[in-house]
Amino acid sequence: MRSIGLVLWITASNRLRSSRGPASERGLTTTEVAVLTFVLVAIAVAIGALLYNYANDTVSNAPSPEIPDFSD
């Protein structure tokens, strides 16, 4: 998943850089930073949801401990 995102990011960056031309300013604008932050937060939330569901399923499917009967 990381490699797909990296390829998409590099492709988009190269297209944006080539469309600006040599006389444009360098660096990230506020809008680009906001969009990048949104994408990173969305990825973090998705990974958090996957981890939460995995942990919840693991706990739900865990066998309950058996208490030995010492009455004999």
Protein backbone atom coordinates (compact mmCIF):
# COMPACT_ATOMS: atom_id res chain seq x y z
CA MET A 1 0.00 0.00 0.00
CA ARG A 2 2.87 2.34 0.77
CA SER A 3 4.48 1.77 -2.65
CA ILE A 4 1.24 2.60 -4.48
CA GLY A 5 0.87 5.81 -2.50
CA LEU A 6 4.50 6.69 -3.12
CA VAL A 7 4.15 6.15 -6.87
CA LEU A 8 1.00 8.27 -6.97
CA TRP A 9 2.67 11.03 -4.93
CA ILE A 10 5.77 11.09 -7.13
CA THR A 11 3.69 11.12 -10.33
CA ALA A 12 1.51 13.96 -9.08
CA SER A 13 4.55 15.92 -7.87
CA ASN A 14 6.34 15.57 -11.19
CA ARG A 15 3.27 16.63 -13.19
CA LEU A 16 2.72 19.64 -10.95
CA ARG A 17 6.39 20.62 -11.09
CA SER A 18 6.51 20.36 -14.89
CA SER A 19 3.32 22.38 -15.33
CA ARG A 20 4.65 25.28 -13.24
CA GLY A 21 7.62 25.97 -15.48
CA PRO A 22 11.05 27.26 -14.52
CA ALA A 23 9.97 30.78 -13.41
CA SER A 24 7.55 29.68 -10.69
CA GLU A 25 8.26 29.76 -6.98
CA ARG A 26 9.49 26.64 -5.23
CA GLY A 27 8.07 25.09 -2.08
CA LEU A 28 4.71 23.95 -0.81
CA THR A 29 1.75 26.29 -0.66
CA THR A 30 -0.72 26.29 2.22
CA THR A 31 -3.28 24.39 0.15
CA GLU A 32 -0.80 21.66 -0.70
CA VAL A 33 0.18 21.29 2.94
CA ALA A 34 -3.49 21.09 3.96
CA VAL A 35 -4.26 18.44 1.34
CA LEU A 36 -1.17 16.42 2.27
CA THR A 37 -2.09 16.63 5.96
CA PHE A 38 -5.63 15.48 5.20
CA VAL A 39 -4.35 12.50 3.21
CA LEU A 40 -1.94 11.49 5.96
CA VAL A 41 -4.64 11.78 8.64
CA ALA A 42 -7.04 9.72 6.53
CA ILE A 43 -4.41 7.00 6.11
CA ALA A 44 -3.69 7.03 9.86
CA VAL A 45 -7.41 6.73 10.69
CA ALA A 46 -7.81 3.83 8.25
CA ILE A 47 -4.84 1.98 9.73
CA GLY A 48 -6.14 2.66 13.25
CA ALA A 49 -9.54 1.26 12.32
CA LEU A 50 -7.96 -1.88 10.88
CA LEU A 51 -5.86 -2.40 14.01
CA TYR A 52 -8.86 -1.81 16.26
CA ASN A 53 -11.00 -4.32 14.36
CA TYR A 54 -8.19 -6.89 14.41
CA ALA A 55 -7.69 -6.48 18.16
CA ASN A 56 -11.42 -6.57 18.83
CA ASP A 57 -11.86 -9.79 16.80
CA THR A 58 -8.88 -11.36 18.53
CA VAL A 59 -10.29 -10.61 21.98
CA SER A 60 -13.79 -11.73 21.00
CA ASN A 61 -12.55 -15.07 19.67
CA ALA A 62 -10.19 -15.84 22.56
CA PRO A 63 -11.18 -18.92 24.56
CA SER A 64 -12.37 -18.28 28.07
CA PRO A 65 -10.09 -19.70 30.77
CA GLU A 66 -11.33 -22.88 32.43
CA ILE A 67 -11.36 -22.90 36.22
CA PRO A 68 -10.25 -26.27 37.61
CA ASP A 69 -12.67 -28.06 39.91
CA PHE A 70 -10.96 -28.94 43.23
CA SER A 71 -14.08 -30.30 44.98
CA ASP A 72 -12.93 -33.96 44.84
